[in-house]
Amino acid sequence: MSAAEETAEALVDVWVEEVRRLVPEVQAVREKYDRDSRAMDRNDSWPPLTEEDMFANWRRLWAAQHHLVWAAYQLERWVARLARERRQKKPKPDPVLADLRNALEHLDEADLDEFTAMATSNPARTTSLRKLPGGQLLIGTGGNPRRLFNLIDSAEIEERAWAVTTSTDRLEQEGEDYAHDLMARGEWPPWEPDDEEEG
């Protein structure tokens, strides 16, 4: 394995683990936001929820989604790089992910209102935002709790992360295969079953 392949594999591992960790976290933050929103609408929380509580929930959700988009984009890039190092076919990229990540990075250049960020009339700016559906990005929460920024399904991102075989996954599988091979040859366990009872 070349140094470049080894490094690419290590960075794939970093981003697979991060995406696998972040998806449930984002889902939990969104569930809390939705639960608190319903409780506030019904006025049945104790202590009573305030607009500041909901704003804090929204800020946490926005940041969590942003982190997940960044991690998913990095994973996509490093999976492609590893494929290139191994002279394998690169997987097809997500059609929205790169534009969403870029739009988030350059959101400060967008036209803003309370609920949306829109592409500006200047064609040199907000290029990625212009490529998003409707040329805009929802700043609110959106109707579908699984969709990040109402654009990308977090479950699909999670599935892609679990479909990638990390070096840890590979080593665990090699260990299991080796143990099964030893068992099939009658060489496992390396001690006599009666020895365990005596000890």
N, C-alpha and C. Protein backbone atom coordinates (compact mmCIF):
# COMPACT_ATOMS: atom_id res chain seq x y z
N MET A 1 0.86 -1.18 0.00
CA MET A 1 0.00 0.00 0.00
C MET A 1 0.90 1.24 0.00
N SER A 2 0.64 2.17 -0.91
CA SER A 2 1.43 3.40 -0.98
C SER A 2 1.09 4.31 0.20
N ALA A 3 1.96 5.27 0.45
CA ALA A 3 1.71 6.23 1.53
C ALA A 3 0.44 7.04 1.24
N ALA A 4 0.23 7.39 -0.02
CA ALA A 4 -0.97 8.16 -0.38
C ALA A 4 -2.23 7.35 -0.14
N GLU A 5 -2.19 6.07 -0.50
CA GLU A 5 -3.36 5.21 -0.27
C GLU A 5 -3.61 5.04 1.22
N GLU A 6 -2.54 4.84 1.98
CA GLU A 6 -2.67 4.66 3.42
C GLU A 6 -3.27 5.91 4.08
N THR A 7 -2.80 7.08 3.65
CA THR A 7 -3.33 8.34 4.20
C THR A 7 -4.79 8.52 3.80
N ALA A 8 -5.10 8.25 2.54
CA ALA A 8 -6.49 8.38 2.08
C ALA A 8 -7.39 7.43 2.85
N GLU A 9 -6.93 6.21 3.09
CA GLU A 9 -7.73 5.24 3.85
C GLU A 9 -7.95 5.74 5.28
N ALA A 10 -6.92 6.30 5.89
CA ALA A 10 -7.06 6.83 7.25
C ALA A 10 -8.07 7.97 7.30
N LEU A 11 -8.07 8.83 6.28
CA LEU A 11 -9.01 9.95 6.26
C LEU A 11 -10.42 9.50 5.93
N VAL A 12 -10.56 8.44 5.15
CA VAL A 12 -11.88 7.84 4.95
C VAL A 12 -12.41 7.36 6.30
N ASP A 13 -11.54 6.69 7.07
CA ASP A 13 -11.94 6.21 8.40
C ASP A 13 -12.41 7.36 9.29
N VAL A 14 -11.66 8.46 9.27
CA VAL A 14 -12.02 9.63 10.09
C VAL A 14 -13.44 10.09 9.76
N TRP A 15 -13.73 10.25 8.46
CA TRP A 15 -15.01 10.83 8.07
C TRP A 15 -16.15 9.83 8.14
N VAL A 16 -15.88 8.55 7.92
CA VAL A 16 -16.93 7.53 8.12
C VAL A 16 -17.38 7.55 9.58
N GLU A 17 -16.41 7.51 10.48
CA GLU A 17 -16.74 7.50 11.91
C GLU A 17 -17.49 8.77 12.30
N GLU A 18 -17.08 9.91 11.75
CA GLU A 18 -17.73 11.17 12.10
C GLU A 18 -19.17 11.21 11.58
N VAL A 19 -19.39 10.78 10.35
CA VAL A 19 -20.76 10.77 9.81
C VAL A 19 -21.62 9.79 10.60
N ARG A 20 -21.10 8.62 10.88
CA ARG A 20 -21.86 7.64 11.66
C ARG A 20 -22.22 8.19 13.05
N ARG A 21 -21.35 9.00 13.63
CA ARG A 21 -21.61 9.60 14.94
C ARG A 21 -22.60 10.76 14.84
N LEU A 22 -22.46 11.55 13.79
CA LEU A 22 -23.25 12.78 13.69
C LEU A 22 -24.71 12.56 13.30
N VAL A 23 -24.99 11.56 12.47
CA VAL A 23 -26.38 11.38 12.01
C VAL A 23 -27.33 11.19 13.19
N PRO A 24 -27.07 10.25 14.12
CA PRO A 24 -27.98 10.12 15.26
C PRO A 24 -28.03 11.38 16.12
N GLU A 25 -26.91 12.09 16.22
CA GLU A 25 -26.89 13.33 17.00
C GLU A 25 -27.81 14.38 16.37
N VAL A 26 -27.71 14.54 15.06
CA VAL A 26 -28.57 15.51 14.36
C VAL A 26 -30.03 15.11 14.50
N GLN A 27 -30.31 13.81 14.37
CA GLN A 27 -31.69 13.35 14.51
C GLN A 27 -32.22 13.64 15.92
N ALA A 28 -31.39 13.43 16.93
CA ALA A 28 -31.82 13.70 18.32
C ALA A 28 -32.07 15.19 18.54
N VAL A 29 -31.22 16.03 17.98
CA VAL A 29 -31.40 17.48 18.11
C VAL A 29 -32.69 17.91 17.42
N ARG A 30 -32.95 17.33 16.23
CA ARG A 30 -34.18 17.68 15.51
C ARG A 30 -35.41 17.19 16.28
N GLU A 31 -35.34 15.97 16.83
CA GLU A 31 -36.48 15.46 17.62
C GLU A 31 -36.77 16.36 18.81
N LYS A 32 -35.72 16.84 19.48
CA LYS A 32 -35.92 17.77 20.60
C LYS A 32 -36.56 19.06 20.12
N TYR A 33 -36.08 19.57 19.00
CA TYR A 33 -36.66 20.80 18.46
C TYR A 33 -38.15 20.60 18.18
N ASP A 34 -38.49 19.51 17.50
CA ASP A 34 -39.90 19.25 17.15
C ASP A 34 -40.75 19.02 18.40
N ARG A 35 -40.22 18.26 19.36
CA ARG A 35 -40.94 17.99 20.60
C ARG A 35 -41.21 19.28 21.37
N ASP A 36 -40.17 20.10 21.50
CA ASP A 36 -40.34 21.38 22.20
C ASP A 36 -41.28 22.32 21.45
N SER A 37 -41.21 22.28 20.14
CA SER A 37 -42.10 23.14 19.34
C SER A 37 -43.56 22.76 19.56
N ARG A 38 -43.84 21.44 19.55
CA ARG A 38 -45.21 20.99 19.80
C ARG A 38 -45.66 21.36 21.21
N ALA A 39 -44.77 21.15 22.18
CA ALA A 39 -45.11 21.48 23.57
C ALA A 39 -45.37 22.97 23.73
N MET A 40 -44.60 23.78 23.05
CA MET A 40 -44.81 25.23 23.14
C MET A 40 -46.13 25.62 22.49
N ASP A 41 -46.44 25.00 21.35
CA ASP A 41 -47.72 25.29 20.68
C ASP A 41 -48.90 24.93 21.57
N ARG A 42 -48.78 23.83 22.32
CA ARG A 42 -49.87 23.37 23.20
C ARG A 42 -49.81 24.02 24.58
N ASN A 43 -48.71 24.73 24.83
CA ASN A 43 -48.51 25.39 26.12
C ASN A 43 -48.56 24.38 27.27
N ASP A 44 -47.89 23.21 27.06
CA ASP A 44 -47.94 22.17 28.09
C ASP A 44 -46.55 21.69 28.52
N SER A 45 -45.60 22.60 28.62
CA SER A 45 -44.27 22.22 29.10
C SER A 45 -44.03 22.85 30.47
N TRP A 46 -43.22 22.15 31.26
CA TRP A 46 -42.83 22.72 32.53
C TRP A 46 -41.34 22.53 32.73
N PRO A 47 -40.57 23.55 32.96
CA PRO A 47 -41.04 24.93 32.98
C PRO A 47 -41.47 25.37 31.58
N PRO A 48 -42.29 26.40 31.50
CA PRO A 48 -42.78 26.84 30.18
C PRO A 48 -41.63 27.20 29.25
N LEU A 49 -41.75 26.75 28.00
CA LEU A 49 -40.73 27.07 27.00
C LEU A 49 -40.92 28.50 26.52
N THR A 50 -39.80 29.13 26.22
CA THR A 50 -39.84 30.51 25.74
C THR A 50 -39.33 30.56 24.30
N GLU A 51 -39.50 31.70 23.67
CA GLU A 51 -38.94 31.90 22.33
C GLU A 51 -37.42 31.74 22.36
N GLU A 52 -36.80 32.17 23.44
CA GLU A 52 -35.35 32.02 23.56
C GLU A 52 -34.95 30.53 23.60
N ASP A 53 -35.75 29.70 24.28
CA ASP A 53 -35.50 28.26 24.29
C ASP A 53 -35.55 27.70 22.87
N MET A 54 -36.57 28.11 22.12
CA MET A 54 -36.72 27.61 20.75
C MET A 54 -35.60 28.13 19.85
N PHE A 55 -35.19 29.36 20.07
CA PHE A 55 -34.09 29.91 19.29
C PHE A 55 -32.80 29.16 19.59
N ALA A 56 -32.59 28.79 20.86
CA ALA A 56 -31.41 28.00 21.23
C ALA A 56 -31.47 26.62 20.57
N ASN A 57 -32.65 26.01 20.53
CA ASN A 57 -32.83 24.72 19.85
C ASN A 57 -32.51 24.85 18.37
N TRP A 58 -33.01 25.91 17.75
CA TRP A 58 -32.75 26.12 16.32
C TRP A 58 -31.26 26.30 16.05
N ARG A 59 -30.59 27.09 16.89
CA ARG A 59 -29.15 27.31 16.70
C ARG A 59 -28.39 25.99 16.77
N ARG A 60 -28.75 25.16 17.74
CA ARG A 60 -28.08 23.86 17.89
C ARG A 60 -28.34 22.98 16.67
N LEU A 61 -29.58 22.99 16.19
CA LEU A 61 -29.94 22.19 15.01
C LEU A 61 -29.20 22.69 13.77
N TRP A 62 -29.16 23.99 13.58
CA TRP A 62 -28.47 24.55 12.42
C TRP A 62 -27.00 24.12 12.41
N ALA A 63 -26.34 24.28 13.55
CA ALA A 63 -24.92 23.93 13.64
C ALA A 63 -24.71 22.43 13.44
N ALA A 64 -25.56 21.61 14.04
CA ALA A 64 -25.41 20.15 13.91
C ALA A 64 -25.58 19.71 12.46
N GLN A 65 -26.57 20.28 11.77
CA GLN A 65 -26.77 19.94 10.35
C GLN A 65 -25.57 20.38 9.52
N HIS A 66 -25.07 21.57 9.81
CA HIS A 66 -23.92 22.10 9.08
C HIS A 66 -22.72 21.16 9.26
N HIS A 67 -22.45 20.72 10.49
CA HIS A 67 -21.34 19.80 10.75
C HIS A 67 -21.52 18.50 9.97
N LEU A 68 -22.75 17.98 9.94
CA LEU A 68 -23.00 16.73 9.23
C LEU A 68 -22.79 16.90 7.72
N VAL A 69 -23.25 18.00 7.16
CA VAL A 69 -23.04 18.25 5.72
C VAL A 69 -21.54 18.31 5.43
N TRP A 70 -20.80 19.02 6.27
CA TRP A 70 -19.35 19.11 6.08
C TRP A 70 -18.70 17.72 6.14
N ALA A 71 -19.05 16.94 7.15
CA ALA A 71 -18.46 15.60 7.31
C ALA A 71 -18.83 14.70 6.14
N ALA A 72 -20.08 14.75 5.70
CA ALA A 72 -20.53 13.92 4.57
C ALA A 72 -19.78 14.30 3.30
N TYR A 73 -19.56 15.59 3.10
CA TYR A 73 -18.83 16.06 1.93
C TYR A 73 -17.38 15.58 1.98
N GLN A 74 -16.75 15.69 3.15
CA GLN A 74 -15.38 15.22 3.29
C GLN A 74 -15.30 13.71 3.04
N LEU A 75 -16.27 12.97 3.55
CA LEU A 75 -16.30 11.53 3.31
C LEU A 75 -16.38 11.24 1.82
N GLU A 76 -17.27 11.93 1.13
CA GLU A 76 -17.42 11.73 -0.31
C GLU A 76 -16.10 12.01 -1.04
N ARG A 77 -15.44 13.09 -0.67
CA ARG A 77 -14.17 13.45 -1.32
C ARG A 77 -13.08 12.41 -1.05
N TRP A 78 -12.99 11.93 0.20
CA TRP A 78 -11.92 11.00 0.53
C TRP A 78 -12.19 9.60 0.01
N VAL A 79 -13.45 9.21 -0.10
CA VAL A 79 -13.78 7.93 -0.75
C VAL A 79 -13.35 7.99 -2.21
N ALA A 80 -13.59 9.12 -2.87
CA ALA A 80 -13.16 9.28 -4.27
C ALA A 80 -11.64 9.24 -4.38
N ARG A 81 -10.96 9.89 -3.46
CA ARG A 81 -9.49 9.90 -3.50
C ARG A 81 -8.94 8.50 -3.28
N LEU A 82 -9.51 7.76 -2.33
CA LEU A 82 -9.05 6.39 -2.08
C LEU A 82 -9.28 5.52 -3.31
N ALA A 83 -10.42 5.68 -3.95
CA ALA A 83 -10.69 4.92 -5.19
C ALA A 83 -9.64 5.26 -6.25
N ARG A 84 -9.29 6.53 -6.36
CA ARG A 84 -8.27 6.94 -7.34
C ARG A 84 -6.92 6.31 -7.00
N GLU A 85 -6.56 6.29 -5.73
CA GLU A 85 -5.29 5.68 -5.33
C GLU A 85 -5.27 4.19 -5.63
N ARG A 86 -6.42 3.56 -5.52
CA ARG A 86 -6.52 2.11 -5.76
C ARG A 86 -6.85 1.79 -7.22
N ARG A 87 -6.92 2.83 -8.04
CA ARG A 87 -7.26 2.69 -9.47
C ARG A 87 -8.60 1.98 -9.65
N GLN A 88 -9.54 2.37 -8.81
CA GLN A 88 -10.90 1.84 -8.88
C GLN A 88 -11.83 2.94 -9.38
N LYS A 89 -13.01 2.53 -9.79
CA LYS A 89 -14.01 3.49 -10.26
C LYS A 89 -14.50 4.32 -9.07
N LYS A 90 -14.53 5.64 -9.26
CA LYS A 90 -15.01 6.52 -8.19
C LYS A 90 -16.52 6.44 -8.11
N PRO A 91 -17.08 6.41 -6.90
CA PRO A 91 -18.54 6.41 -6.75
C PRO A 91 -19.12 7.72 -7.28
N LYS A 92 -20.35 7.63 -7.73
CA LYS A 92 -21.04 8.83 -8.23
C LYS A 92 -21.31 9.77 -7.06
N PRO A 93 -20.95 11.05 -7.20
CA PRO A 93 -21.18 11.98 -6.08
C PRO A 93 -22.66 12.33 -5.92
N ASP A 94 -23.02 12.71 -4.71
CA ASP A 94 -24.38 13.18 -4.44
C ASP A 94 -24.62 14.44 -5.27
N PRO A 95 -25.76 14.54 -5.95
CA PRO A 95 -25.98 15.68 -6.85
C PRO A 95 -26.17 17.02 -6.13
N VAL A 96 -26.45 17.02 -4.84
CA VAL A 96 -26.72 18.27 -4.13
C VAL A 96 -25.66 18.58 -3.07
N LEU A 97 -24.97 17.56 -2.57
CA LEU A 97 -24.11 17.72 -1.40
C LEU A 97 -23.03 18.80 -1.58
N ALA A 98 -22.29 18.77 -2.67
CA ALA A 98 -21.21 19.75 -2.86
C ALA A 98 -21.76 21.17 -2.94
N ASP A 99 -22.86 21.34 -3.66
CA ASP A 99 -23.45 22.67 -3.77
C ASP A 99 -23.98 23.15 -2.42
N LEU A 100 -24.57 22.25 -1.64
CA LEU A 100 -25.05 22.62 -0.31
C LEU A 100 -23.89 23.02 0.59
N ARG A 101 -22.83 22.23 0.58
CA ARG A 101 -21.66 22.55 1.40
C ARG A 101 -21.08 23.90 1.00
N ASN A 102 -20.94 24.13 -0.30
CA ASN A 102 -20.38 25.40 -0.77
C ASN A 102 -21.31 26.57 -0.46
N ALA A 103 -22.62 26.34 -0.60
CA ALA A 103 -23.58 27.40 -0.27
C ALA A 103 -23.49 27.76 1.20
N LEU A 104 -23.33 26.77 2.06
CA LEU A 104 -23.19 27.05 3.49
C LEU A 104 -21.90 27.82 3.78
N GLU A 105 -20.84 27.44 3.08
CA GLU A 105 -19.56 28.12 3.30
C GLU A 105 -19.64 29.60 2.90
N HIS A 106 -20.39 29.89 1.85
CA HIS A 106 -20.47 31.26 1.33
C HIS A 106 -21.82 31.92 1.62
N LEU A 107 -22.48 31.45 2.64
CA LEU A 107 -23.82 31.97 2.96
C LEU A 107 -23.80 33.46 3.31
N ASP A 108 -22.67 33.92 3.81
CA ASP A 108 -22.57 35.34 4.16
C ASP A 108 -22.65 36.25 2.93
N GLU A 109 -22.53 35.68 1.72
CA GLU A 109 -22.61 36.46 0.49
C GLU A 109 -24.02 36.50 -0.09
N ALA A 110 -24.95 35.76 0.53
CA ALA A 110 -26.31 35.63 -0.01
C ALA A 110 -27.20 36.80 0.38
N ASP A 111 -28.31 36.93 -0.34
CA ASP A 111 -29.39 37.83 0.08
C ASP A 111 -30.18 37.07 1.14
N LEU A 112 -30.43 37.71 2.27
CA LEU A 112 -31.06 37.03 3.41
C LEU A 112 -32.37 37.68 3.79
N ASP A 113 -33.32 36.83 4.19
CA ASP A 113 -34.47 37.32 4.93
C ASP A 113 -34.60 36.41 6.16
N GLU A 114 -35.70 36.47 6.84
CA GLU A 114 -35.83 35.72 8.09
C GLU A 114 -35.79 34.21 7.90
N PHE A 115 -36.26 33.73 6.74
CA PHE A 115 -36.42 32.29 6.55
C PHE A 115 -35.55 31.68 5.46
N THR A 116 -34.99 32.48 4.56
CA THR A 116 -34.25 31.93 3.44
C THR A 116 -33.01 32.74 3.11
N ALA A 117 -32.05 32.03 2.51
CA ALA A 117 -30.89 32.68 1.90
C ALA A 117 -31.06 32.47 0.40
N MET A 118 -30.97 33.56 -0.36
CA MET A 118 -31.21 33.49 -1.80
C MET A 118 -29.97 33.92 -2.57
N ALA A 119 -29.83 33.36 -3.76
CA ALA A 119 -28.73 33.75 -4.63
C ALA A 119 -28.86 35.23 -4.97
N THR A 120 -27.74 35.91 -5.02
CA THR A 120 -27.76 37.33 -5.38
C THR A 120 -27.86 37.48 -6.89
N SER A 121 -28.08 38.69 -7.34
CA SER A 121 -28.15 38.94 -8.79
C SER A 121 -26.77 38.95 -9.42
N ASN A 122 -25.72 39.03 -8.61
CA ASN A 122 -24.35 39.03 -9.11
C ASN A 122 -23.95 37.60 -9.46
N PRO A 123 -23.74 37.29 -10.75
CA PRO A 123 -23.43 35.90 -11.14
C PRO A 123 -22.10 35.39 -10.60
N ALA A 124 -21.22 36.28 -10.19
CA ALA A 124 -19.92 35.85 -9.65
C ALA A 124 -20.03 35.39 -8.20
N ARG A 125 -21.14 35.70 -7.57
CA ARG A 125 -21.33 35.34 -6.16
C ARG A 125 -22.44 34.30 -6.04
N THR A 126 -22.43 33.60 -4.94
CA THR A 126 -23.47 32.61 -4.57
C THR A 126 -23.76 31.62 -5.69
N THR A 127 -22.71 31.18 -6.39
CA THR A 127 -22.87 30.23 -7.49
C THR A 127 -23.51 28.93 -7.02
N SER A 128 -23.01 28.37 -5.94
CA SER A 128 -23.56 27.10 -5.44
C SER A 128 -24.97 27.26 -4.93
N LEU A 129 -25.26 28.37 -4.29
CA LEU A 129 -26.62 28.63 -3.81
C LEU A 129 -27.58 28.69 -4.99
N ARG A 130 -27.14 29.28 -6.08
CA ARG A 130 -27.96 29.38 -7.29
C ARG A 130 -28.29 27.98 -7.84
N LYS A 131 -27.39 27.01 -7.63
CA LYS A 131 -27.60 25.65 -8.14
C LYS A 131 -28.57 24.83 -7.28
N LEU A 132 -28.83 25.29 -6.05
CA LEU A 132 -29.78 24.56 -5.19
C LEU A 132 -31.19 24.75 -5.72
N PRO A 133 -32.10 23.82 -5.40
CA PRO A 133 -33.49 23.96 -5.86
C PRO A 133 -34.06 25.32 -5.48
N GLY A 134 -34.56 26.03 -6.47
CA GLY A 134 -35.13 27.35 -6.24
C GLY A 134 -34.09 28.44 -6.01
N GLY A 135 -32.80 28.10 -6.12
CA GLY A 135 -31.75 29.08 -5.91
C GLY A 135 -31.73 29.65 -4.51
N GLN A 136 -32.17 28.83 -3.55
CA GLN A 136 -32.24 29.33 -2.17
C GLN A 136 -32.00 28.20 -1.17
N LEU A 137 -31.75 28.61 0.06
CA LEU A 137 -31.52 27.68 1.16
C LEU A 137 -32.42 28.09 2.32
N LEU A 138 -33.17 27.13 2.82
CA LEU A 138 -34.06 27.39 3.95
C LEU A 138 -33.23 27.64 5.20
N ILE A 139 -33.51 28.72 5.89
CA ILE A 139 -32.82 29.01 7.14
C ILE A 139 -33.61 28.44 8.31
N GLY A 140 -34.89 28.20 8.11
CA GLY A 140 -35.72 27.58 9.15
C GLY A 140 -35.45 26.08 9.23
N THR A 141 -36.44 25.33 9.69
CA THR A 141 -36.23 23.90 9.92
C THR A 141 -36.78 23.00 8.82
N GLY A 142 -37.77 23.40 8.08
CA GLY A 142 -38.34 22.54 7.04
C GLY A 142 -39.28 21.51 7.61
N GLY A 143 -40.11 20.95 6.74
CA GLY A 143 -41.15 20.04 7.18
C GLY A 143 -40.71 18.61 7.44
N ASN A 144 -39.70 18.14 6.73
CA ASN A 144 -39.27 16.75 6.86
C ASN A 144 -38.10 16.67 7.84
N PRO A 145 -38.31 16.05 9.01
CA PRO A 145 -37.24 16.03 10.02
C PRO A 145 -35.99 15.27 9.60
N ARG A 146 -36.09 14.40 8.59
CA ARG A 146 -34.90 13.64 8.16
C ARG A 146 -34.05 14.42 7.16
N ARG A 147 -34.59 15.47 6.57
CA ARG A 147 -33.88 16.18 5.52
C ARG A 147 -33.05 17.33 6.09
N LEU A 148 -31.77 17.32 5.79
CA LEU A 148 -30.87 18.38 6.22
C LEU A 148 -31.13 19.62 5.37
N PHE A 149 -31.43 20.72 6.02
CA PHE A 149 -31.74 21.97 5.33
C PHE A 149 -32.85 21.78 4.29
N ASN A 150 -33.69 20.78 4.54
CA ASN A 150 -34.82 20.45 3.67
C ASN A 150 -34.36 20.01 2.27
N LEU A 151 -33.10 19.53 2.16
CA LEU A 151 -32.54 19.18 0.85
C LEU A 151 -32.02 17.75 0.74
N ILE A 152 -31.34 17.26 1.77
CA ILE A 152 -30.67 15.96 1.69
C ILE A 152 -31.16 15.08 2.83
N ASP A 153 -31.49 13.83 2.50
CA ASP A 153 -31.99 12.88 3.49
C ASP A 153 -30.83 12.37 4.35
N SER A 154 -30.90 12.60 5.64
CA SER A 154 -29.83 12.17 6.55
C SER A 154 -29.71 10.65 6.59
N ALA A 155 -30.82 9.94 6.37
CA ALA A 155 -30.76 8.47 6.35
C ALA A 155 -29.92 7.98 5.17
N GLU A 156 -30.01 8.66 4.04
CA GLU A 156 -29.19 8.27 2.88
C GLU A 156 -27.71 8.52 3.16
N ILE A 157 -27.42 9.63 3.82
CA ILE A 157 -26.03 9.92 4.19
C ILE A 157 -25.51 8.83 5.14
N GLU A 158 -26.34 8.45 6.10
CA GLU A 158 -25.94 7.41 7.05
C GLU A 158 -25.72 6.07 6.33
N GLU A 159 -26.62 5.72 5.40
CA GLU A 159 -26.47 4.47 4.64
C GLU A 159 -25.15 4.46 3.87
N ARG A 160 -24.81 5.58 3.25
CA ARG A 160 -23.55 5.66 2.51
C ARG A 160 -22.36 5.45 3.44
N ALA A 161 -22.43 6.03 4.63
CA ALA A 161 -21.32 5.88 5.58
C ALA A 161 -21.18 4.43 6.03
N TRP A 162 -22.30 3.76 6.28
CA TRP A 162 -22.23 2.36 6.71
C TRP A 162 -21.83 1.44 5.56
N ALA A 163 -22.00 1.88 4.31
CA ALA A 163 -21.62 1.06 3.16
C ALA A 163 -20.11 1.07 2.93
N VAL A 164 -19.42 2.05 3.50
CA VAL A 164 -17.97 2.15 3.34
C VAL A 164 -17.30 1.21 4.34
N THR A 165 -16.37 0.42 3.85
CA THR A 165 -15.62 -0.48 4.72
C THR A 165 -14.40 0.27 5.24
N THR A 166 -14.34 0.49 6.53
CA THR A 166 -13.18 1.17 7.13
C THR A 166 -12.08 0.16 7.37
N SER A 167 -10.90 0.65 7.69
CA SER A 167 -9.80 -0.27 8.01
C SER A 167 -10.13 -1.08 9.25
N THR A 168 -10.84 -0.49 10.21
CA THR A 168 -11.26 -1.23 11.41
C THR A 168 -12.24 -2.33 11.04
N ASP A 169 -13.22 -2.01 10.17
CA ASP A 169 -14.17 -3.02 9.71
C ASP A 169 -13.42 -4.18 9.04
N ARG A 170 -12.46 -3.81 8.18
CA ARG A 170 -11.70 -4.82 7.44
C ARG A 170 -10.89 -5.70 8.39
N LEU A 171 -10.22 -5.08 9.36
CA LEU A 171 -9.41 -5.86 10.31
C LEU A 171 -10.28 -6.76 11.18
N GLU A 172 -11.44 -6.27 11.60
CA GLU A 172 -12.36 -7.10 12.38
C GLU A 172 -12.82 -8.29 11.56
N GLN A 173 -13.15 -8.05 10.29
CA GLN A 173 -13.59 -9.14 9.42
C GLN A 173 -12.47 -10.14 9.20
N GLU A 174 -11.25 -9.66 9.00
CA GLU A 174 -10.11 -10.56 8.83
C GLU A 174 -9.91 -11.41 10.08
N GLY A 175 -10.05 -10.80 11.26
CA GLY A 175 -9.93 -11.55 12.52
C GLY A 175 -11.01 -12.61 12.65
N GLU A 176 -12.25 -12.25 12.31
CA GLU A 176 -13.35 -13.22 12.37
C GLU A 176 -13.12 -14.35 11.37
N ASP A 177 -12.70 -14.00 10.15
CA ASP A 177 -12.44 -15.02 9.14
C ASP A 177 -11.34 -15.97 9.59
N TYR A 178 -10.29 -15.41 10.20
CA TYR A 178 -9.19 -16.23 10.69
C TYR A 178 -9.67 -17.18 11.79
N ALA A 179 -10.46 -16.66 12.73
CA ALA A 179 -10.99 -17.50 13.81
C ALA A 179 -11.88 -18.61 13.26
N HIS A 180 -12.74 -18.28 12.29
CA HIS A 180 -13.61 -19.30 11.68
C HIS A 180 -12.78 -20.36 10.96
N ASP A 181 -11.70 -19.92 10.30
CA ASP A 181 -10.83 -20.86 9.61
C ASP A 181 -10.17 -21.81 10.61
N LEU A 182 -9.71 -21.27 11.74
CA LEU A 182 -9.11 -22.11 12.78
C LEU A 182 -10.13 -23.09 13.35
N MET A 183 -11.36 -22.62 13.57
CA MET A 183 -12.41 -23.51 14.08
C MET A 183 -12.72 -24.62 13.09
N ALA A 184 -12.76 -24.27 11.81
CA ALA A 184 -13.06 -25.27 10.78
C ALA A 184 -11.97 -26.34 10.73
N ARG A 185 -10.75 -25.97 11.05
CA ARG A 185 -9.64 -26.93 11.05
C ARG A 185 -9.48 -27.60 12.40
N GLY A 186 -10.34 -27.26 13.36
CA GLY A 186 -10.26 -27.86 14.69
C GLY A 186 -9.14 -27.29 15.55
N GLU A 187 -8.62 -26.13 15.19
CA GLU A 187 -7.51 -25.52 15.93
C GLU A 187 -7.96 -24.40 16.85
N TRP A 188 -9.26 -24.21 16.99
CA TRP A 188 -9.78 -23.14 17.85
C TRP A 188 -10.87 -23.71 18.70
N PRO A 189 -10.94 -23.44 19.96
CA PRO A 189 -10.03 -22.56 20.70
C PRO A 189 -8.68 -23.24 20.91
N PRO A 190 -7.64 -22.46 21.18
CA PRO A 190 -6.29 -23.02 21.32
C PRO A 190 -6.10 -23.80 22.62
N TRP A 191 -7.08 -23.81 23.47
CA TRP A 191 -7.01 -24.55 24.73
C TRP A 191 -8.09 -25.63 24.69
N GLU A 192 -7.96 -26.58 25.56
CA GLU A 192 -8.96 -27.63 25.66
C GLU A 192 -10.16 -27.08 26.42
N PRO A 193 -11.39 -27.37 26.01
CA PRO A 193 -12.56 -26.87 26.72
C PRO A 193 -12.54 -27.20 28.21
N ASP A 194 -11.98 -28.38 28.60
CA ASP A 194 -11.92 -28.76 30.01
C ASP A 194 -10.96 -27.87 30.81
N ASP A 195 -9.93 -27.32 30.13
CA ASP A 195 -8.96 -26.45 30.81
C ASP A 195 -9.65 -25.21 31.38
N GLU A 196 -10.62 -24.70 30.66
CA GLU A 196 -11.33 -23.49 31.08
C GLU A 196 -12.10 -23.74 32.38
N GLU A 197 -12.70 -24.94 32.49
CA GLU A 197 -13.47 -25.28 33.68
C GLU A 197 -12.56 -25.46 34.89
N GLU A 198 -11.37 -26.03 34.67
CA GLU A 198 -10.45 -26.28 35.77
C GLU A 198 -9.86 -24.98 36.31
N GLY A 199 -9.60 -23.96 35.42
CA GLY A 199 -8.96 -22.71 35.81
C GLY A 199 -9.88 -21.87 36.57
